[in-house]
Amino acid sequence: MPLDAPIPPEDGKPPAPATEAHAPAPPRNDASHWRQRAAAAESAAEELRASLEQARAELAAAHEALDSCETRRAIDAALFETDALD
């Protein structure tokens, strides 16, 4: 995206074409608007951090389960090769 391209709206919908009767409102530059956007971004970032931490925990559990299965398979293969009986 070029640096001079307009920023898409937050709702994801394309802006309505401007008409003479209804010109688009000028962008909001007041501090309270930017504080609200910053707070929303921080909240979203915190949710993403929590999701990432949960995904990392699930990944660690999956690695542990896989290691356990691989160890069990190696033991079973070694027992089979030696013709061990139960």
PDB file of N, CA and C in Angstrom:
ATOM      1  N   MET A   1       0.851  -1.165   0.000  1.00  0.00           N
ATOM      2  CA  MET A   1       0.000   0.000   0.000  1.00  0.00           C
ATOM      3  C   MET A   1       0.897   1.228   0.000  1.00  0.00           C
ATOM      4  N   PRO A   2       0.685   2.140  -0.933  1.00  0.00           N
ATOM      5  CA  PRO A   2       1.499   3.352  -0.952  1.00  0.00           C
ATOM      6  C   PRO A   2       1.281   4.173   0.306  1.00  0.00           C
ATOM      7  N   LEU A   3       2.296   4.934   0.661  1.00  0.00           N
ATOM      8  CA  LEU A   3       2.204   5.732   1.874  1.00  0.00           C
ATOM      9  C   LEU A   3       1.137   6.809   1.793  1.00  0.00           C
ATOM     10  N   ASP A   4       0.826   7.282   0.595  1.00  0.00           N
ATOM     11  CA  ASP A   4      -0.175   8.332   0.469  1.00  0.00           C
ATOM     12  C   ASP A   4      -1.577   7.793   0.236  1.00  0.00           C
ATOM     13  N   ALA A   5      -1.756   6.456   0.276  1.00  0.00           N
ATOM     14  CA  ALA A   5      -3.078   5.863   0.088  1.00  0.00           C
ATOM     15  C   ALA A   5      -3.938   6.161   1.314  1.00  0.00           C
ATOM     16  N   PRO A   6      -5.244   6.352   1.111  1.00  0.00           N
ATOM     17  CA  PRO A   6      -6.107   6.626   2.256  1.00  0.00           C
ATOM     18  C   PRO A   6      -6.220   5.406   3.158  1.00  0.00           C
ATOM     19  N   ILE A   7      -6.399   5.641   4.422  1.00  0.00           N
ATOM     20  CA  ILE A   7      -6.555   4.567   5.399  1.00  0.00           C
ATOM     21  C   ILE A   7      -7.980   4.035   5.278  1.00  0.00           C
ATOM     22  N   PRO A   8      -8.144   2.704   5.140  1.00  0.00           N
ATOM     23  CA  PRO A   8      -9.498   2.159   5.013  1.00  0.00           C
ATOM     24  C   PRO A   8     -10.277   2.380   6.307  1.00  0.00           C
ATOM     25  N   PRO A   9     -11.597   2.470   6.203  1.00  0.00           N
ATOM     26  CA  PRO A   9     -12.416   2.675   7.404  1.00  0.00           C
ATOM     27  C   PRO A   9     -12.317   1.475   8.334  1.00  0.00           C
ATOM     28  N   GLU A  10     -12.587   1.702   9.614  1.00  0.00           N
ATOM     29  CA  GLU A  10     -12.453   0.649  10.627  1.00  0.00           C
ATOM     30  C   GLU A  10     -13.472  -0.464  10.441  1.00  0.00           C
ATOM     31  N   ASP A  11     -14.655  -0.165   9.881  1.00  0.00           N
ATOM     32  CA  ASP A  11     -15.675  -1.195   9.729  1.00  0.00           C
ATOM     33  C   ASP A  11     -15.437  -2.082   8.520  1.00  0.00           C
ATOM     34  N   GLY A  12     -14.439  -1.759   7.696  1.00  0.00           N
ATOM     35  CA  GLY A  12     -14.092  -2.583   6.566  1.00  0.00           C
ATOM     36  C   GLY A  12     -14.930  -2.327   5.329  1.00  0.00           C
ATOM     37  N   LYS A  13     -15.957  -1.515   5.413  1.00  0.00           N
ATOM     38  CA  LYS A  13     -16.806  -1.226   4.267  1.00  0.00           C
ATOM     39  C   LYS A  13     -16.199  -0.074   3.479  1.00  0.00           C
ATOM     40  N   PRO A  14     -16.322  -0.134   2.156  1.00  0.00           N
ATOM     41  CA  PRO A  14     -15.794   0.982   1.374  1.00  0.00           C
ATOM     42  C   PRO A  14     -16.627   2.236   1.624  1.00  0.00           C
ATOM     43  N   PRO A  15     -15.998   3.392   1.558  1.00  0.00           N
ATOM     44  CA  PRO A  15     -16.745   4.618   1.794  1.00  0.00           C
ATOM     45  C   PRO A  15     -17.742   4.870   0.669  1.00  0.00           C
ATOM     46  N   ALA A  16     -18.863   5.484   1.023  1.00  0.00           N
ATOM     47  CA  ALA A  16     -19.873   5.830   0.035  1.00  0.00           C
ATOM     48  C   ALA A  16     -19.322   6.945  -0.841  1.00  0.00           C
ATOM     49  N   PRO A  17     -19.680   6.939  -2.116  1.00  0.00           N
ATOM     50  CA  PRO A  17     -19.182   8.010  -2.982  1.00  0.00           C
ATOM     51  C   PRO A  17     -19.714   9.365  -2.518  1.00  0.00           C
ATOM     52  N   ALA A  18     -18.858  10.359  -2.607  1.00  0.00           N
ATOM     53  CA  ALA A  18     -19.243  11.696  -2.165  1.00  0.00           C
ATOM     54  C   ALA A  18     -20.163  12.342  -3.191  1.00  0.00           C
ATOM     55  N   THR A  19     -21.174  13.011  -2.698  1.00  0.00           N
ATOM     56  CA  THR A  19     -22.070  13.775  -3.559  1.00  0.00           C
ATOM     57  C   THR A  19     -22.037  15.209  -3.076  1.00  0.00           C
ATOM     58  N   GLU A  20     -22.564  16.086  -3.888  1.00  0.00           N
ATOM     59  CA  GLU A  20     -22.568  17.490  -3.488  1.00  0.00           C
ATOM     60  C   GLU A  20     -23.413  17.712  -2.244  1.00  0.00           C
ATOM     61  N   ALA A  21     -24.498  16.964  -2.118  1.00  0.00           N
ATOM     62  CA  ALA A  21     -25.386  17.140  -0.973  1.00  0.00           C
ATOM     63  C   ALA A  21     -24.789  16.527   0.291  1.00  0.00           C
ATOM     64  N   HIS A  22     -23.930  15.536   0.125  1.00  0.00           N
ATOM     65  CA  HIS A  22     -23.400  14.840   1.294  1.00  0.00           C
ATOM     66  C   HIS A  22     -21.897  14.622   1.119  1.00  0.00           C
ATOM     67  N   ALA A  23     -21.136  15.584   1.465  1.00  0.00           N
ATOM     68  CA  ALA A  23     -19.681  15.472   1.390  1.00  0.00           C
ATOM     69  C   ALA A  23     -19.190  14.720   2.616  1.00  0.00           C
ATOM     70  N   PRO A  24     -18.108  13.940   2.484  1.00  0.00           N
ATOM     71  CA  PRO A  24     -17.606  13.202   3.651  1.00  0.00           C
ATOM     72  C   PRO A  24     -17.110  14.157   4.734  1.00  0.00           C
ATOM     73  N   ALA A  25     -17.279  13.714   5.950  1.00  0.00           N
ATOM     74  CA  ALA A  25     -16.824  14.516   7.085  1.00  0.00           C
ATOM     75  C   ALA A  25     -15.303  14.541   7.101  1.00  0.00           C
ATOM     76  N   PRO A  26     -14.731  15.628   7.522  1.00  0.00           N
ATOM     77  CA  PRO A  26     -13.267  15.674   7.595  1.00  0.00           C
ATOM     78  C   PRO A  26     -12.776  14.694   8.663  1.00  0.00           C
ATOM     79  N   PRO A  27     -11.557  14.173   8.506  1.00  0.00           N
ATOM     80  CA  PRO A  27     -11.048  13.227   9.507  1.00  0.00           C
ATOM     81  C   PRO A  27     -10.954  13.873  10.879  1.00  0.00           C
ATOM     82  N   ARG A  28     -11.210  13.038  11.881  1.00  0.00           N
ATOM     83  CA  ARG A  28     -11.158  13.545  13.256  1.00  0.00           C
ATOM     84  C   ARG A  28      -9.712  13.575  13.713  1.00  0.00           C
ATOM     85  N   ASN A  29      -9.300  14.690  14.210  1.00  0.00           N
ATOM     86  CA  ASN A  29      -7.929  14.844  14.682  1.00  0.00           C
ATOM     87  C   ASN A  29      -7.866  15.214  16.159  1.00  0.00           C
ATOM     88  N   ASP A  30      -9.006  15.163  16.838  1.00  0.00           N
ATOM     89  CA  ASP A  30      -8.990  15.558  18.244  1.00  0.00           C
ATOM     90  C   ASP A  30      -8.341  14.468  19.103  1.00  0.00           C
ATOM     91  N   ALA A  31      -7.803  14.873  20.217  1.00  0.00           N
ATOM     92  CA  ALA A  31      -7.026  13.969  21.079  1.00  0.00           C
ATOM     93  C   ALA A  31      -7.886  12.852  21.661  1.00  0.00           C
ATOM     94  N   SER A  32      -9.145  13.139  22.002  1.00  0.00           N
ATOM     95  CA  SER A  32      -9.982  12.095  22.603  1.00  0.00           C
ATOM     96  C   SER A  32     -10.227  10.961  21.622  1.00  0.00           C
ATOM     97  N   HIS A  33     -10.368  11.269  20.352  1.00  0.00           N
ATOM     98  CA  HIS A  33     -10.553  10.233  19.332  1.00  0.00           C
ATOM     99  C   HIS A  33      -9.328   9.319  19.289  1.00  0.00           C
ATOM    100  N   TRP A  34      -8.151   9.915  19.301  1.00  0.00           N
ATOM    101  CA  TRP A  34      -6.931   9.115  19.235  1.00  0.00           C
ATOM    102  C   TRP A  34      -6.695   8.340  20.520  1.00  0.00           C
ATOM    103  N   ARG A  35      -7.103   8.904  21.663  1.00  0.00           N
ATOM    104  CA  ARG A  35      -6.993   8.160  22.921  1.00  0.00           C
ATOM    105  C   ARG A  35      -7.894   6.931  22.886  1.00  0.00           C
ATOM    106  N   GLN A  36      -9.097   7.090  22.353  1.00  0.00           N
ATOM    107  CA  GLN A  36     -10.023   5.956  22.249  1.00  0.00           C
ATOM    108  C   GLN A  36      -9.455   4.885  21.325  1.00  0.00           C
ATOM    109  N   ARG A  37      -8.903   5.305  20.192  1.00  0.00           N
ATOM    110  CA  ARG A  37      -8.318   4.338  19.266  1.00  0.00           C
ATOM    111  C   ARG A  37      -7.118   3.633  19.896  1.00  0.00           C
ATOM    112  N   ALA A  38      -6.303   4.378  20.647  1.00  0.00           N
ATOM    113  CA  ALA A  38      -5.139   3.781  21.307  1.00  0.00           C
ATOM    114  C   ALA A  38      -5.589   2.774  22.360  1.00  0.00           C
ATOM    115  N   ALA A  39      -6.626   3.117  23.118  1.00  0.00           N
ATOM    116  CA  ALA A  39      -7.144   2.196  24.138  1.00  0.00           C
ATOM    117  C   ALA A  39      -7.687   0.931  23.485  1.00  0.00           C
ATOM    118  N   ALA A  40      -8.396   1.092  22.370  1.00  0.00           N
ATOM    119  CA  ALA A  40      -8.927  -0.071  21.663  1.00  0.00           C
ATOM    120  C   ALA A  40      -7.789  -0.933  21.124  1.00  0.00           C
ATOM    121  N   ALA A  41      -6.739  -0.301  20.595  1.00  0.00           N
ATOM    122  CA  ALA A  41      -5.595  -1.044  20.076  1.00  0.00           C
ATOM    123  C   ALA A  41      -4.874  -1.783  21.204  1.00  0.00           C
ATOM    124  N   GLU A  42      -4.725  -1.152  22.349  1.00  0.00           N
ATOM    125  CA  GLU A  42      -4.077  -1.809  23.489  1.00  0.00           C
ATOM    126  C   GLU A  42      -4.903  -2.993  23.963  1.00  0.00           C
ATOM    127  N   SER A  43      -6.215  -2.835  23.972  1.00  0.00           N
ATOM    128  CA  SER A  43      -7.092  -3.938  24.371  1.00  0.00           C
ATOM    129  C   SER A  43      -6.958  -5.103  23.393  1.00  0.00           C
ATOM    130  N   ALA A  44      -6.968  -4.801  22.103  1.00  0.00           N
ATOM    131  CA  ALA A  44      -6.820  -5.847  21.091  1.00  0.00           C
ATOM    132  C   ALA A  44      -5.455  -6.523  21.213  1.00  0.00           C
ATOM    133  N   ALA A  45      -4.423  -5.750  21.479  1.00  0.00           N
ATOM    134  CA  ALA A  45      -3.085  -6.320  21.636  1.00  0.00           C
ATOM    135  C   ALA A  45      -3.035  -7.252  22.842  1.00  0.00           C
ATOM    136  N   GLU A  46      -3.688  -6.879  23.921  1.00  0.00           N
ATOM    137  CA  GLU A  46      -3.710  -7.735  25.117  1.00  0.00           C
ATOM    138  C   GLU A  46      -4.449  -9.041  24.826  1.00  0.00           C
ATOM    139  N   GLU A  47      -5.553  -8.964  24.082  1.00  0.00           N
ATOM    140  CA  GLU A  47      -6.278 -10.178  23.707  1.00  0.00           C
ATOM    141  C   GLU A  47      -5.397 -11.077  22.837  1.00  0.00           C
ATOM    142  N   LEU A  48      -4.652 -10.474  21.925  1.00  0.00           N
ATOM    143  CA  LEU A  48      -3.760 -11.251  21.072  1.00  0.00           C
ATOM    144  C   LEU A  48      -2.634 -11.889  21.883  1.00  0.00           C
ATOM    145  N   ARG A  49      -2.107 -11.153  22.859  1.00  0.00           N
ATOM    146  CA  ARG A  49      -1.068 -11.730  23.731  1.00  0.00           C
ATOM    147  C   ARG A  49      -1.606 -12.941  24.486  1.00  0.00           C
ATOM    148  N   ALA A  50      -2.841 -12.834  24.997  1.00  0.00           N
ATOM    149  CA  ALA A  50      -3.449 -13.943  25.731  1.00  0.00           C
ATOM    150  C   ALA A  50      -3.662 -15.140  24.798  1.00  0.00           C
ATOM    151  N   SER A  51      -4.126 -14.882  23.579  1.00  0.00           N
ATOM    152  CA  SER A  51      -4.328 -15.961  22.614  1.00  0.00           C
ATOM    153  C   SER A  51      -3.006 -16.627  22.255  1.00  0.00           C
ATOM    154  N   LEU A  52      -1.970 -15.816  22.091  1.00  0.00           N
ATOM    155  CA  LEU A  52      -0.653 -16.357  21.776  1.00  0.00           C
ATOM    156  C   LEU A  52      -0.137 -17.224  22.918  1.00  0.00           C
ATOM    157  N   GLU A  53      -0.303 -16.770  24.136  1.00  0.00           N
ATOM    158  CA  GLU A  53       0.145 -17.550  25.294  1.00  0.00           C
ATOM    159  C   GLU A  53      -0.603 -18.876  25.366  1.00  0.00           C
ATOM    160  N   GLN A  54      -1.915 -18.859  25.095  1.00  0.00           N
ATOM    161  CA  GLN A  54      -2.700 -20.091  25.102  1.00  0.00           C
ATOM    162  C   GLN A  54      -2.224 -21.026  23.994  1.00  0.00           C
ATOM    163  N   ALA A  55      -1.954 -20.488  22.809  1.00  0.00           N
ATOM    164  CA  ALA A  55      -1.473 -21.310  21.698  1.00  0.00           C
ATOM    165  C   ALA A  55      -0.114 -21.923  22.026  1.00  0.00           C
ATOM    166  N   ARG A  56       0.756 -21.143  22.684  1.00  0.00           N
ATOM    167  CA  ARG A  56       2.063 -21.689  23.075  1.00  0.00           C
ATOM    168  C   ARG A  56       1.902 -22.821  24.090  1.00  0.00           C
ATOM    169  N   ALA A  57       0.970 -22.677  25.031  1.00  0.00           N
ATOM    170  CA  ALA A  57       0.739 -23.737  26.018  1.00  0.00           C
ATOM    171  C   ALA A  57       0.208 -24.995  25.332  1.00  0.00           C
ATOM    172  N   GLU A  58      -0.717 -24.812  24.383  1.00  0.00           N
ATOM    173  CA  GLU A  58      -1.254 -25.966  23.653  1.00  0.00           C
ATOM    174  C   GLU A  58      -0.170 -26.635  22.813  1.00  0.00           C
ATOM    175  N   LEU A  59       0.711 -25.834  22.226  1.00  0.00           N
ATOM    176  CA  LEU A  59       1.815 -26.385  21.440  1.00  0.00           C
ATOM    177  C   LEU A  59       2.758 -27.194  22.325  1.00  0.00           C
ATOM    178  N   ALA A  60       3.067 -26.689  23.504  1.00  0.00           N
ATOM    179  CA  ALA A  60       3.937 -27.412  24.430  1.00  0.00           C
ATOM    180  C   ALA A  60       3.299 -28.740  24.839  1.00  0.00           C
ATOM    181  N   ALA A  61       1.994 -28.728  25.095  1.00  0.00           N
ATOM    182  CA  ALA A  61       1.295 -29.964  25.464  1.00  0.00           C
ATOM    183  C   ALA A  61       1.306 -30.949  24.298  1.00  0.00           C
ATOM    184  N   ALA A  62       1.133 -30.462  23.082  1.00  0.00           N
ATOM    185  CA  ALA A  62       1.155 -31.339  21.909  1.00  0.00           C
ATOM    186  C   ALA A  62       2.539 -31.939  21.708  1.00  0.00           C
ATOM    187  N   HIS A  63       3.591 -31.132  21.905  1.00  0.00           N
ATOM    188  CA  HIS A  63       4.962 -31.653  21.797  1.00  0.00           C
ATOM    189  C   HIS A  63       5.201 -32.736  22.847  1.00  0.00           C
ATOM    190  N   GLU A  64       4.729 -32.505  24.050  1.00  0.00           N
ATOM    191  CA  GLU A  64       4.907 -33.495  25.114  1.00  0.00           C
ATOM    192  C   GLU A  64       4.187 -34.789  24.770  1.00  0.00           C
ATOM    193  N   ALA A  65       2.957 -34.693  24.265  1.00  0.00           N
ATOM    194  CA  ALA A  65       2.199 -35.885  23.881  1.00  0.00           C
ATOM    195  C   ALA A  65       2.888 -36.614  22.737  1.00  0.00           C
ATOM    196  N   LEU A  66       3.406 -35.866  21.768  1.00  0.00           N
ATOM    197  CA  LEU A  66       4.105 -36.480  20.638  1.00  0.00           C
ATOM    198  C   LEU A  66       5.366 -37.185  21.107  1.00  0.00           C
ATOM    199  N   ASP A  67       6.125 -36.551  21.978  1.00  0.00           N
ATOM    200  CA  ASP A  67       7.332 -37.187  22.514  1.00  0.00           C
ATOM    201  C   ASP A  67       6.997 -38.485  23.229  1.00  0.00           C
ATOM    202  N   SER A  68       5.918 -38.471  23.994  1.00  0.00           N
ATOM    203  CA  SER A  68       5.488 -39.670  24.711  1.00  0.00           C
ATOM    204  C   SER A  68       5.116 -40.782  23.736  1.00  0.00           C
ATOM    205  N   CYS A  69       4.377 -40.431  22.677  1.00  0.00           N
ATOM    206  CA  CYS A  69       3.990 -41.426  21.679  1.00  0.00           C
ATOM    207  C   CYS A  69       5.203 -41.986  20.951  1.00  0.00           C
ATOM    208  N   GLU A  70       6.152 -41.127  20.621  1.00  0.00           N
ATOM    209  CA  GLU A  70       7.349 -41.589  19.926  1.00  0.00           C
ATOM    210  C   GLU A  70       8.181 -42.505  20.815  1.00  0.00           C
ATOM    211  N   THR A  71       8.252 -42.183  22.094  1.00  0.00           N
ATOM    212  CA  THR A  71       8.991 -43.037  23.027  1.00  0.00           C
ATOM    213  C   THR A  71       8.320 -44.403  23.132  1.00  0.00           C
ATOM    214  N   ARG A  72       6.997 -44.401  23.256  1.00  0.00           N
ATOM    215  CA  ARG A  72       6.255 -45.663  23.362  1.00  0.00           C
ATOM    216  C   ARG A  72       6.419 -46.491  22.094  1.00  0.00           C
ATOM    217  N   ARG A  73       6.378 -45.835  20.931  1.00  0.00           N
ATOM    218  CA  ARG A  73       6.551 -46.546  19.663  1.00  0.00           C
ATOM    219  C   ARG A  73       7.956 -47.151  19.567  1.00  0.00           C
ATOM    220  N   ALA A  74       8.959 -46.421  20.016  1.00  0.00           N
ATOM    221  CA  ALA A  74      10.329 -46.941  19.980  1.00  0.00           C
ATOM    222  C   ALA A  74      10.463 -48.151  20.902  1.00  0.00           C
ATOM    223  N   ILE A  75       9.840 -48.085  22.066  1.00  0.00           N
ATOM    224  CA  ILE A  75       9.877 -49.225  22.996  1.00  0.00           C
ATOM    225  C   ILE A  75       9.178 -50.427  22.383  1.00  0.00           C
ATOM    226  N   ASP A  76       7.990 -50.206  21.787  1.00  0.00           N
ATOM    227  CA  ASP A  76       7.251 -51.308  21.154  1.00  0.00           C
ATOM    228  C   ASP A  76       8.049 -51.913  20.011  1.00  0.00           C
ATOM    229  N   ALA A  77       8.723 -51.074  19.216  1.00  0.00           N
ATOM    230  CA  ALA A  77       9.526 -51.587  18.106  1.00  0.00           C
ATOM    231  C   ALA A  77      10.697 -52.413  18.621  1.00  0.00           C
ATOM    232  N   ALA A  78      11.330 -51.947  19.683  1.00  0.00           N
ATOM    233  CA  ALA A  78      12.457 -52.702  20.250  1.00  0.00           C
ATOM    234  C   ALA A  78      11.983 -54.031  20.813  1.00  0.00           C
ATOM    235  N   LEU A  79      10.832 -54.035  21.475  1.00  0.00           N
ATOM    236  CA  LEU A  79      10.294 -55.300  22.002  1.00  0.00           C
ATOM    237  C   LEU A  79       9.933 -56.253  20.875  1.00  0.00           C
ATOM    238  N   PHE A  80       9.364 -55.735  19.796  1.00  0.00           N
ATOM    239  CA  PHE A  80       8.995 -56.584  18.661  1.00  0.00           C
ATOM    240  C   PHE A  80      10.234 -57.206  18.025  1.00  0.00           C
ATOM    241  N   GLU A  81      11.289 -56.390  17.884  1.00  0.00           N
ATOM    242  CA  GLU A  81      12.509 -56.893  17.254  1.00  0.00           C
ATOM    243  C   GLU A  81      13.164 -58.001  18.069  1.00  0.00           C
ATOM    244  N   THR A  82      13.002 -57.975  19.369  1.00  0.00           N
ATOM    245  CA  THR A  82      13.615 -58.996  20.221  1.00  0.00           C
ATOM    246  C   THR A  82      12.676 -60.154  20.490  1.00  0.00           C
ATOM    247  N   ASP A  83      11.517 -60.168  19.837  1.00  0.00           N
ATOM    248  CA  ASP A  83      10.512 -61.222  20.010  1.00  0.00           C
ATOM    249  C   ASP A  83      10.118 -61.385  21.473  1.00  0.00           C
ATOM    250  N   ALA A  84       9.999 -60.260  22.184  1.00  0.00           N
ATOM    251  CA  ALA A  84       9.606 -60.312  23.600  1.00  0.00           C
ATOM    252  C   ALA A  84       8.145 -60.709  23.710  1.00  0.00           C
ATOM    253  N   LEU A  85       7.849 -61.459  24.749  1.00  0.00           N
ATOM    254  CA  LEU A  85       6.470 -61.886  25.026  1.00  0.00           C
ATOM    255  C   LEU A  85       5.962 -61.124  26.239  1.00  0.00           C
ATOM    256  N   ASP A  86       4.664 -60.866  26.259  1.00  0.00           N
ATOM    257  CA  ASP A  86       4.074 -60.191  27.419  1.00  0.00           C
ATOM    258  C   ASP A  86       4.020 -61.109  28.602  1.00  0.00           C
TER     259      ASP A  86
END
